[in-house]
């Protein structure tokens, strides 16, 4: 079946794009692998009208609202391949089925490459966190840690100091120079150069940080900024351009969310460096609007 728009990725950006075009009466397909990036978090915060709700519950509601429009369809599969088909159409292949669309929105997201510290992956999204605007208020009742992943961790520690006393754990990946140390001290951020061997829950909602030299430190939560990679190869397959973002590659888009490939739009974490639900919804909404207008005006 041929669609006016195919959206690859059915999380916050993708569903936001799809509903704009469905409301215009156009045929819209969403292909979703069911692996949203924030599936590890029990609650989301800072998203207007939904503060404290589970991300999955918000997405379930959004999907039901999209499917109330008769021209919308959601397919629960992974999109494996996308190619241009002719002058203006695209073909997207899943496991055994191919779909055609006049326009594409890539809302494929990114994958976090977590620091290799024992215990960290199991705590990701619970007491090991990435965004103070999403989770800082809830963990501000005690000392916080920042686990360095590179020079950008200096800025993360300075920022998070607004939420509580902060220790920046260099972890062998970052050593501040004199000027950087002064910057940390001006924000009352302590620096711990010893590498982190392991993170363990302390039984009361916090963490015990085990250092390589045998010492231990207690924190309410640990923030870190992992490197990102594309969660899907589709943008590369289509020939979309990329730029280097703060923590990894970002699909290049213009001021109308269009990639370097005409007819292909991108939104969400894959298309910007700063990530949260509100940004994803905003970018997806605009990508959907612009994709629809391109169907009308060319």
C-alpha atoms as a PDB file:
ATOM      1  CA  UNK A   1       0.000   0.000   0.000  1.00  0.00           C
ATOM      2  CA  UNK A   2       1.172   3.512  -0.797  1.00  0.00           C
ATOM      3  CA  UNK A   3       1.138   6.133   1.977  1.00  0.00           C
ATOM      4  CA  UNK A   4       1.480   9.883   1.891  1.00  0.00           C
ATOM      5  CA  UNK A   5       3.833   9.737   4.873  1.00  0.00           C
ATOM      6  CA  UNK A   6       5.777   6.980   6.557  1.00  0.00           C
ATOM      7  CA  UNK A   7       7.177   7.725  10.000  1.00  0.00           C
ATOM      8  CA  UNK A   8       9.977   5.478  11.178  1.00  0.00           C
ATOM      9  CA  UNK A   9       9.900   5.404  14.971  1.00  0.00           C
ATOM     10  CA  UNK A  10       6.762   5.510  17.097  1.00  0.00           C
ATOM     11  CA  UNK A  11       7.937   7.335  20.184  1.00  0.00           C
ATOM     12  CA  UNK A  12       7.347  10.978  21.081  1.00  0.00           C
ATOM     13  CA  UNK A  13       8.749  12.601  17.937  1.00  0.00           C
ATOM     14  CA  UNK A  14       7.311  10.047  15.531  1.00  0.00           C
ATOM     15  CA  UNK A  15       3.766  10.023  16.903  1.00  0.00           C
ATOM     16  CA  UNK A  16       3.764  13.818  17.047  1.00  0.00           C
ATOM     17  CA  UNK A  17       4.690  13.972  13.349  1.00  0.00           C
ATOM     18  CA  UNK A  18       2.150  11.351  12.342  1.00  0.00           C
ATOM     19  CA  UNK A  19      -0.867  12.902  14.043  1.00  0.00           C
ATOM     20  CA  UNK A  20      -0.386  16.220  12.234  1.00  0.00           C
ATOM     21  CA  UNK A  21      -0.626  14.520   8.854  1.00  0.00           C
ATOM     22  CA  UNK A  22      -3.430  12.157   9.882  1.00  0.00           C
ATOM     23  CA  UNK A  23      -5.470  15.185  10.922  1.00  0.00           C
ATOM     24  CA  UNK A  24      -5.126  16.463   7.348  1.00  0.00           C
ATOM     25  CA  UNK A  25      -6.801  13.272   6.100  1.00  0.00           C
ATOM     26  CA  UNK A  26      -3.636  11.912   4.567  1.00  0.00           C
ATOM     27  CA  UNK A  27      -2.628   8.249   4.725  1.00  0.00           C
ATOM     28  CA  UNK A  28       0.028   7.855   7.421  1.00  0.00           C
ATOM     29  CA  UNK A  29       2.061   4.800   8.407  1.00  0.00           C
ATOM     30  CA  UNK A  30       4.123   4.551  11.602  1.00  0.00           C
ATOM     31  CA  UNK A  31       6.653   1.718  11.794  1.00  0.00           C
ATOM     32  CA  UNK A  32       7.867   1.145  15.323  1.00  0.00           C
ATOM     33  CA  UNK A  33      10.243  -1.420  16.839  1.00  0.00           C
ATOM     34  CA  UNK A  34       8.971  -0.786  20.375  1.00  0.00           C
ATOM     35  CA  UNK A  35      12.311   0.273  21.865  1.00  0.00           C
ATOM     36  CA  UNK A  36      11.948   3.898  23.027  1.00  0.00           C
ATOM     37  CA  UNK A  37      15.129   5.324  24.501  1.00  0.00           C
ATOM     38  CA  UNK A  38      13.513   6.232  27.817  1.00  0.00           C
ATOM     39  CA  UNK A  39      12.038   2.763  28.414  1.00  0.00           C
ATOM     40  CA  UNK A  40      14.396   2.408  31.402  1.00  0.00           C
ATOM     41  CA  UNK A  41      12.831   5.335  33.278  1.00  0.00           C
ATOM     42  CA  UNK A  42       9.822   4.772  35.529  1.00  0.00           C
ATOM     43  CA  UNK A  43       8.653   8.383  35.338  1.00  0.00           C
ATOM     44  CA  UNK A  44       9.123  11.391  33.092  1.00  0.00           C
ATOM     45  CA  UNK A  45       9.236  14.949  34.354  1.00  0.00           C
ATOM     46  CA  UNK A  46       9.077  18.453  32.946  1.00  0.00           C
ATOM     47  CA  UNK A  47       6.700  17.582  30.105  1.00  0.00           C
ATOM     48  CA  UNK A  48       3.791  19.976  30.460  1.00  0.00           C
ATOM     49  CA  UNK A  49       0.584  18.288  31.574  1.00  0.00           C
ATOM     50  CA  UNK A  50       2.238  14.893  32.119  1.00  0.00           C
ATOM     51  CA  UNK A  51       4.721  15.551  34.906  1.00  0.00           C
ATOM     52  CA  UNK A  52       5.448  12.349  36.828  1.00  0.00           C
ATOM     53  CA  UNK A  53       3.715   9.958  34.423  1.00  0.00           C
ATOM     54  CA  UNK A  54       5.362   6.818  33.096  1.00  0.00           C
ATOM     55  CA  UNK A  55       6.733   7.441  29.585  1.00  0.00           C
ATOM     56  CA  UNK A  56       5.122   4.238  28.319  1.00  0.00           C
ATOM     57  CA  UNK A  57       1.703   5.342  29.552  1.00  0.00           C
ATOM     58  CA  UNK A  58       2.016   8.646  27.693  1.00  0.00           C
ATOM     59  CA  UNK A  59       2.996   6.804  24.513  1.00  0.00           C
ATOM     60  CA  UNK A  60       0.123   4.333  24.863  1.00  0.00           C
ATOM     61  CA  UNK A  61      -2.340   7.229  25.075  1.00  0.00           C
ATOM     62  CA  UNK A  62      -0.710   8.980  22.123  1.00  0.00           C
ATOM     63  CA  UNK A  63      -0.874   5.856  19.971  1.00  0.00           C
ATOM     64  CA  UNK A  64      -4.578   5.357  20.759  1.00  0.00           C
ATOM     65  CA  UNK A  65      -5.262   8.980  19.879  1.00  0.00           C
ATOM     66  CA  UNK A  66      -3.407   8.631  16.563  1.00  0.00           C
ATOM     67  CA  UNK A  67      -5.253   5.445  15.629  1.00  0.00           C
ATOM     68  CA  UNK A  68      -8.594   7.177  16.189  1.00  0.00           C
ATOM     69  CA  UNK A  69      -7.940   8.801  12.804  1.00  0.00           C
ATOM     70  CA  UNK A  70      -9.068   6.410  10.050  1.00  0.00           C
ATOM     71  CA  UNK A  71      -6.132   7.158   7.730  1.00  0.00           C
ATOM     72  CA  UNK A  72      -3.472   6.249  10.327  1.00  0.00           C
ATOM     73  CA  UNK A  73      -1.819   2.858  10.757  1.00  0.00           C
ATOM     74  CA  UNK A  74       0.876   1.580  13.118  1.00  0.00           C
ATOM     75  CA  UNK A  75       3.005  -1.459  12.307  1.00  0.00           C
ATOM     76  CA  UNK A  76       4.943  -3.017  15.189  1.00  0.00           C
ATOM     77  CA  UNK A  77       8.097  -3.986  13.362  1.00  0.00           C
ATOM     78  CA  UNK A  78      11.637  -2.818  12.817  1.00  0.00           C
ATOM     79  CA  UNK A  79      12.306  -0.984   9.573  1.00  0.00           C
ATOM     80  CA  UNK A  80      15.392  -2.640   8.116  1.00  0.00           C
ATOM     81  CA  UNK A  81      15.864  -0.755   4.870  1.00  0.00           C
ATOM     82  CA  UNK A  82      14.781   2.474   3.208  1.00  0.00           C
ATOM     83  CA  UNK A  83      15.533   3.504  -0.369  1.00  0.00           C
ATOM     84  CA  UNK A  84      14.414   6.134  -2.831  1.00  0.00           C
ATOM     85  CA  UNK A  85      11.994   4.690  -5.387  1.00  0.00           C
ATOM     86  CA  UNK A  86      11.704   6.871  -8.441  1.00  0.00           C
ATOM     87  CA  UNK A  87      11.773  10.640  -8.437  1.00  0.00           C
ATOM     88  CA  UNK A  88       9.765  11.347  -5.299  1.00  0.00           C
ATOM     89  CA  UNK A  89       8.762   8.122  -3.530  1.00  0.00           C
ATOM     90  CA  UNK A  90      10.443   5.886  -0.964  1.00  0.00           C
ATOM     91  CA  UNK A  91      10.268   2.209  -0.103  1.00  0.00           C
ATOM     92  CA  UNK A  92      10.657   0.940   3.451  1.00  0.00           C
ATOM     93  CA  UNK A  93      11.260  -2.741   4.091  1.00  0.00           C
ATOM     94  CA  UNK A  94      10.473  -4.586   7.297  1.00  0.00           C
ATOM     95  CA  UNK A  95      10.713  -8.328   7.904  1.00  0.00           C
ATOM     96  CA  UNK A  96       8.929  -9.566   4.837  1.00  0.00           C
ATOM     97  CA  UNK A  97       6.887  -6.548   3.778  1.00  0.00           C
ATOM     98  CA  UNK A  98       7.645  -3.397   1.818  1.00  0.00           C
ATOM     99  CA  UNK A  99       5.732  -0.126   2.133  1.00  0.00           C
ATOM    100  CA  UNK A 100       5.730   2.872  -0.174  1.00  0.00           C
ATOM    101  CA  UNK A 101       5.502   6.509   0.866  1.00  0.00           C
ATOM    102  CA  UNK A 102       5.766   9.911  -0.755  1.00  0.00           C
ATOM    103  CA  UNK A 103       7.485  11.418   2.301  1.00  0.00           C
ATOM    104  CA  UNK A 104       9.480  10.067   5.213  1.00  0.00           C
ATOM    105  CA  UNK A 105       9.992  11.282   8.764  1.00  0.00           C
ATOM    106  CA  UNK A 106      12.917   9.626  10.523  1.00  0.00           C
ATOM    107  CA  UNK A 107      12.264   9.573  14.268  1.00  0.00           C
ATOM    108  CA  UNK A 108      14.626   6.685  14.830  1.00  0.00           C
ATOM    109  CA  UNK A 109      16.366   7.974  17.959  1.00  0.00           C
ATOM    110  CA  UNK A 110      19.809   7.241  19.316  1.00  0.00           C
ATOM    111  CA  UNK A 111      21.407   4.551  21.434  1.00  0.00           C
ATOM    112  CA  UNK A 112      23.439   5.389  24.535  1.00  0.00           C
ATOM    113  CA  UNK A 113      26.921   3.918  24.850  1.00  0.00           C
ATOM    114  CA  UNK A 114      27.108   3.625  28.621  1.00  0.00           C
ATOM    115  CA  UNK A 115      30.378   3.932  30.567  1.00  0.00           C
ATOM    116  CA  UNK A 116      31.877   0.539  31.353  1.00  0.00           C
ATOM    117  CA  UNK A 117      31.481   0.616  35.115  1.00  0.00           C
ATOM    118  CA  UNK A 118      30.218  -2.456  36.935  1.00  0.00           C
ATOM    119  CA  UNK A 119      26.588  -2.074  37.997  1.00  0.00           C
ATOM    120  CA  UNK A 120      25.937   1.064  35.944  1.00  0.00           C
ATOM    121  CA  UNK A 121      23.862  -0.474  33.148  1.00  0.00           C
ATOM    122  CA  UNK A 122      21.502  -2.142  35.639  1.00  0.00           C
ATOM    123  CA  UNK A 123      20.868   1.229  37.326  1.00  0.00           C
ATOM    124  CA  UNK A 124      20.455   3.271  34.140  1.00  0.00           C
ATOM    125  CA  UNK A 125      17.254   5.311  34.208  1.00  0.00           C
ATOM    126  CA  UNK A 126      16.710   4.712  37.942  1.00  0.00           C
ATOM    127  CA  UNK A 127      19.613   6.124  39.952  1.00  0.00           C
ATOM    128  CA  UNK A 128      22.079   6.642  37.094  1.00  0.00           C
ATOM    129  CA  UNK A 129      20.636   9.491  35.052  1.00  0.00           C
ATOM    130  CA  UNK A 130      21.479  11.780  32.164  1.00  0.00           C
ATOM    131  CA  UNK A 131      19.282  14.891  32.420  1.00  0.00           C
ATOM    132  CA  UNK A 132      18.891  17.128  35.491  1.00  0.00           C
ATOM    133  CA  UNK A 133      15.854  18.829  33.966  1.00  0.00           C
ATOM    134  CA  UNK A 134      14.163  15.423  33.686  1.00  0.00           C
ATOM    135  CA  UNK A 135      15.215  13.964  37.039  1.00  0.00           C
ATOM    136  CA  UNK A 136      17.143  16.512  39.113  1.00  0.00           C
ATOM    137  CA  UNK A 137      14.299  17.685  41.331  1.00  0.00           C
ATOM    138  CA  UNK A 138      13.459  14.142  42.422  1.00  0.00           C
ATOM    139  CA  UNK A 139      17.032  13.365  43.565  1.00  0.00           C
ATOM    140  CA  UNK A 140      17.948  16.761  44.980  1.00  0.00           C
ATOM    141  CA  UNK A 141      17.648  15.641  48.594  1.00  0.00           C
ATOM    142  CA  UNK A 142      21.252  14.519  48.922  1.00  0.00           C
ATOM    143  CA  UNK A 143      24.747  14.697  47.403  1.00  0.00           C
ATOM    144  CA  UNK A 144      24.975  13.987  43.686  1.00  0.00           C
ATOM    145  CA  UNK A 145      27.697  12.583  41.494  1.00  0.00           C
ATOM    146  CA  UNK A 146      28.711  13.197  37.899  1.00  0.00           C
ATOM    147  CA  UNK A 147      30.612  10.399  36.186  1.00  0.00           C
ATOM    148  CA  UNK A 148      32.913  11.899  33.569  1.00  0.00           C
ATOM    149  CA  UNK A 149      32.782  10.704  29.988  1.00  0.00           C
ATOM    150  CA  UNK A 150      34.964  13.506  28.602  1.00  0.00           C
ATOM    151  CA  UNK A 151      35.549  17.270  28.753  1.00  0.00           C
ATOM    152  CA  UNK A 152      31.811  18.047  28.454  1.00  0.00           C
ATOM    153  CA  UNK A 153      31.353  16.538  31.920  1.00  0.00           C
ATOM    154  CA  UNK A 154      32.852  19.729  33.361  1.00  0.00           C
ATOM    155  CA  UNK A 155      29.803  21.663  32.156  1.00  0.00           C
ATOM    156  CA  UNK A 156      27.429  18.944  33.307  1.00  0.00           C
ATOM    157  CA  UNK A 157      28.845  19.114  36.835  1.00  0.00           C
ATOM    158  CA  UNK A 158      28.654  22.915  36.897  1.00  0.00           C
ATOM    159  CA  UNK A 159      25.017  22.768  35.801  1.00  0.00           C
ATOM    160  CA  UNK A 160      23.930  20.054  38.221  1.00  0.00           C
ATOM    161  CA  UNK A 161      25.384  22.027  41.131  1.00  0.00           C
ATOM    162  CA  UNK A 162      22.115  23.981  41.065  1.00  0.00           C
ATOM    163  CA  UNK A 163      20.344  20.845  42.317  1.00  0.00           C
ATOM    164  CA  UNK A 164      22.700  19.819  45.158  1.00  0.00           C
ATOM    165  CA  UNK A 165      26.308  19.386  46.271  1.00  0.00           C
ATOM    166  CA  UNK A 166      28.156  17.663  43.448  1.00  0.00           C
ATOM    167  CA  UNK A 167      31.262  15.516  43.114  1.00  0.00           C
ATOM    168  CA  UNK A 168      32.714  15.104  39.634  1.00  0.00           C
ATOM    169  CA  UNK A 169      34.290  11.665  39.306  1.00  0.00           C
ATOM    170  CA  UNK A 170      37.018  11.925  36.665  1.00  0.00           C
ATOM    171  CA  UNK A 171      37.079   8.144  36.170  1.00  0.00           C
ATOM    172  CA  UNK A 172      40.355   8.326  34.246  1.00  0.00           C
ATOM    173  CA  UNK A 173      38.664  10.181  31.386  1.00  0.00           C
ATOM    174  CA  UNK A 174      38.869  13.773  32.548  1.00  0.00           C
ATOM    175  CA  UNK A 175      41.437  15.723  34.566  1.00  0.00           C
ATOM    176  CA  UNK A 176      40.697  19.434  34.984  1.00  0.00           C
ATOM    177  CA  UNK A 177      43.441  21.944  34.330  1.00  0.00           C
ATOM    178  CA  UNK A 178      43.965  24.915  36.628  1.00  0.00           C
ATOM    179  CA  UNK A 179      41.340  27.082  34.972  1.00  0.00           C
ATOM    180  CA  UNK A 180      38.799  24.259  34.899  1.00  0.00           C
ATOM    181  CA  UNK A 181      39.450  23.493  38.550  1.00  0.00           C
ATOM    182  CA  UNK A 182      38.757  27.110  39.432  1.00  0.00           C
ATOM    183  CA  UNK A 183      35.507  26.871  37.476  1.00  0.00           C
ATOM    184  CA  UNK A 184      34.500  23.798  39.473  1.00  0.00           C
ATOM    185  CA  UNK A 185      35.429  25.428  42.756  1.00  0.00           C
ATOM    186  CA  UNK A 186      33.365  28.502  41.890  1.00  0.00           C
ATOM    187  CA  UNK A 187      30.340  26.196  41.735  1.00  0.00           C
ATOM    188  CA  UNK A 188      31.446  24.305  44.887  1.00  0.00           C
ATOM    189  CA  UNK A 189      31.947  21.109  42.855  1.00  0.00           C
ATOM    190  CA  UNK A 190      34.423  18.629  44.303  1.00  0.00           C
ATOM    191  CA  UNK A 191      36.688  16.637  41.975  1.00  0.00           C
ATOM    192  CA  UNK A 192      37.584  12.990  42.556  1.00  0.00           C
ATOM    193  CA  UNK A 193      40.344  11.769  40.208  1.00  0.00           C
ATOM    194  CA  UNK A 194      40.268   8.084  41.170  1.00  0.00           C
ATOM    195  CA  UNK A 195      38.486   5.766  38.723  1.00  0.00           C
ATOM    196  CA  UNK A 196      35.133   4.269  39.664  1.00  0.00           C
ATOM    197  CA  UNK A 197      35.185   0.488  39.973  1.00  0.00           C
ATOM    198  CA  UNK A 198      31.527  -0.213  40.693  1.00  0.00           C
ATOM    199  CA  UNK A 199      28.152   1.311  41.526  1.00  0.00           C
ATOM    200  CA  UNK A 200      25.789  -0.389  43.970  1.00  0.00           C
ATOM    201  CA  UNK A 201      22.444   0.544  45.449  1.00  0.00           C
ATOM    202  CA  UNK A 202      22.636   1.381  49.149  1.00  0.00           C
ATOM    203  CA  UNK A 203      19.214  -0.024  50.089  1.00  0.00           C
ATOM    204  CA  UNK A 204      17.591   3.361  50.666  1.00  0.00           C
ATOM    205  CA  UNK A 205      17.354   4.709  47.131  1.00  0.00           C
ATOM    206  CA  UNK A 206      20.905   6.000  46.833  1.00  0.00           C
ATOM    207  CA  UNK A 207      24.214   4.672  45.522  1.00  0.00           C
ATOM    208  CA  UNK A 208      27.529   3.531  46.915  1.00  0.00           C
ATOM    209  CA  UNK A 209      30.385   4.522  44.613  1.00  0.00           C
ATOM    210  CA  UNK A 210      33.255   2.030  44.923  1.00  0.00           C
ATOM    211  CA  UNK A 211      36.575   3.564  43.861  1.00  0.00           C
ATOM    212  CA  UNK A 212      39.555   1.668  42.486  1.00  0.00           C
ATOM    213  CA  UNK A 213      41.643   2.425  45.572  1.00  0.00           C
ATOM    214  CA  UNK A 214      39.086   0.808  47.890  1.00  0.00           C
ATOM    215  CA  UNK A 215      37.410   3.980  49.130  1.00  0.00           C
ATOM    216  CA  UNK A 216      33.653   4.437  48.973  1.00  0.00           C
ATOM    217  CA  UNK A 217      31.427   7.459  48.521  1.00  0.00           C
ATOM    218  CA  UNK A 218      27.677   7.807  48.891  1.00  0.00           C
ATOM    219  CA  UNK A 219      25.518   9.775  46.462  1.00  0.00           C
ATOM    220  CA  UNK A 220      21.775  10.168  46.002  1.00  0.00           C
ATOM    221  CA  UNK A 221      22.166   9.637  42.254  1.00  0.00           C
ATOM    222  CA  UNK A 222      24.867   9.615  39.584  1.00  0.00           C
ATOM    223  CA  UNK A 223      24.545  11.684  36.418  1.00  0.00           C
ATOM    224  CA  UNK A 224      26.515  10.918  33.301  1.00  0.00           C
ATOM    225  CA  UNK A 225      26.454  11.970  29.645  1.00  0.00           C
ATOM    226  CA  UNK A 226      27.101   8.895  27.500  1.00  0.00           C
ATOM    227  CA  UNK A 227      28.097   9.019  23.876  1.00  0.00           C
ATOM    228  CA  UNK A 228      25.266   8.458  21.407  1.00  0.00           C
ATOM    229  CA  UNK A 229      25.095   6.563  18.142  1.00  0.00           C
ATOM    230  CA  UNK A 230      22.259   6.275  15.667  1.00  0.00           C
ATOM    231  CA  UNK A 231      19.781   3.597  16.734  1.00  0.00           C
ATOM    232  CA  UNK A 232      18.952   2.859  13.093  1.00  0.00           C
ATOM    233  CA  UNK A 233      20.973   2.743   9.850  1.00  0.00           C
ATOM    234  CA  UNK A 234      18.158   4.208   7.740  1.00  0.00           C
ATOM    235  CA  UNK A 235      19.423   7.802   7.590  1.00  0.00           C
ATOM    236  CA  UNK A 236      22.804   6.582   6.376  1.00  0.00           C
ATOM    237  CA  UNK A 237      21.174   4.205   3.863  1.00  0.00           C
ATOM    238  CA  UNK A 238      19.195   7.091   2.395  1.00  0.00           C
ATOM    239  CA  UNK A 239      22.311   9.261   2.109  1.00  0.00           C
ATOM    240  CA  UNK A 240      21.320  11.849   4.708  1.00  0.00           C
ATOM    241  CA  UNK A 241      24.044  14.183   5.914  1.00  0.00           C
ATOM    242  CA  UNK A 242      25.257  14.221   9.497  1.00  0.00           C
ATOM    243  CA  UNK A 243      26.895  16.746  11.782  1.00  0.00           C
ATOM    244  CA  UNK A 244      28.793  16.162  15.011  1.00  0.00           C
ATOM    245  CA  UNK A 245      26.661  16.986  18.022  1.00  0.00           C
ATOM    246  CA  UNK A 246      27.594  17.400  21.659  1.00  0.00           C
ATOM    247  CA  UNK A 247      27.702  13.661  22.322  1.00  0.00           C
ATOM    248  CA  UNK A 248      27.642  12.014  18.908  1.00  0.00           C
ATOM    249  CA  UNK A 249      26.393  12.275  15.331  1.00  0.00           C
ATOM    250  CA  UNK A 250      23.194  14.161  14.548  1.00  0.00           C
ATOM    251  CA  UNK A 251      21.128  13.966  11.360  1.00  0.00           C
ATOM    252  CA  UNK A 252      21.492  17.343   9.647  1.00  0.00           C
ATOM    253  CA  UNK A 253      18.181  19.142   9.097  1.00  0.00           C
ATOM    254  CA  UNK A 254      17.275  22.567   7.780  1.00  0.00           C
ATOM    255  CA  UNK A 255      14.912  25.079   9.357  1.00  0.00           C
ATOM    256  CA  UNK A 256      11.949  22.950   8.252  1.00  0.00           C
ATOM    257  CA  UNK A 257      13.286  19.663   9.675  1.00  0.00           C
ATOM    258  CA  UNK A 258      14.178  18.395   6.173  1.00  0.00           C
ATOM    259  CA  UNK A 259      17.359  16.366   5.869  1.00  0.00           C
ATOM    260  CA  UNK A 260      19.843  16.763   3.032  1.00  0.00           C
ATOM    261  CA  UNK A 261      17.681  14.291   1.060  1.00  0.00           C
ATOM    262  CA  UNK A 262      14.574  15.961  -0.407  1.00  0.00           C
ATOM    263  CA  UNK A 263      11.401  14.433   0.959  1.00  0.00           C
ATOM    264  CA  UNK A 264      13.080  12.987   4.036  1.00  0.00           C
ATOM    265  CA  UNK A 265      12.512  14.763   7.338  1.00  0.00           C
ATOM    266  CA  UNK A 266      13.993  13.972  10.754  1.00  0.00           C
ATOM    267  CA  UNK A 267      13.074  14.794  14.342  1.00  0.00           C
ATOM    268  CA  UNK A 268      13.699  13.737  17.902  1.00  0.00           C
ATOM    269  CA  UNK A 269      16.948  12.691  19.533  1.00  0.00           C
ATOM    270  CA  UNK A 270      18.501  11.630  16.214  1.00  0.00           C
ATOM    271  CA  UNK A 271      18.156  15.164  14.836  1.00  0.00           C
ATOM    272  CA  UNK A 272      19.280  17.383  17.715  1.00  0.00           C
ATOM    273  CA  UNK A 273      21.909  17.412  20.462  1.00  0.00           C
ATOM    274  CA  UNK A 274      19.680  18.336  23.403  1.00  0.00           C
ATOM    275  CA  UNK A 275      17.211  15.626  24.335  1.00  0.00           C
ATOM    276  CA  UNK A 276      13.975  15.450  26.295  1.00  0.00           C
ATOM    277  CA  UNK A 277      10.330  14.625  25.597  1.00  0.00           C
ATOM    278  CA  UNK A 278       9.253  18.226  25.027  1.00  0.00           C
ATOM    279  CA  UNK A 279      12.003  18.805  22.453  1.00  0.00           C
ATOM    280  CA  UNK A 280      11.055  15.547  20.695  1.00  0.00           C
ATOM    281  CA  UNK A 281       7.368  16.452  20.545  1.00  0.00           C
ATOM    282  CA  UNK A 282       8.160  19.928  19.241  1.00  0.00           C
ATOM    283  CA  UNK A 283      10.510  18.688  16.531  1.00  0.00           C
ATOM    284  CA  UNK A 284       8.176  15.886  15.505  1.00  0.00           C
ATOM    285  CA  UNK A 285       5.190  18.205  15.273  1.00  0.00           C
ATOM    286  CA  UNK A 286       7.084  20.596  13.029  1.00  0.00           C
ATOM    287  CA  UNK A 287       8.478  17.781  10.875  1.00  0.00           C
ATOM    288  CA  UNK A 288       4.949  16.467  10.320  1.00  0.00           C
ATOM    289  CA  UNK A 289       3.588  19.895   9.447  1.00  0.00           C
ATOM    290  CA  UNK A 290       6.432  20.589   7.020  1.00  0.00           C
ATOM    291  CA  UNK A 291       6.169  17.137   5.411  1.00  0.00           C
ATOM    292  CA  UNK A 292       2.450  17.696   4.843  1.00  0.00           C
ATOM    293  CA  UNK A 293       2.982  21.151   3.386  1.00  0.00           C
ATOM    294  CA  UNK A 294       5.547  19.715   0.980  1.00  0.00           C
ATOM    295  CA  UNK A 295       2.869  17.300  -0.280  1.00  0.00           C
ATOM    296  CA  UNK A 296       0.623  20.260  -1.013  1.00  0.00           C
ATOM    297  CA  UNK A 297       3.104  22.778  -2.364  1.00  0.00           C
ATOM    298  CA  UNK A 298       5.909  20.555  -3.641  1.00  0.00           C
END
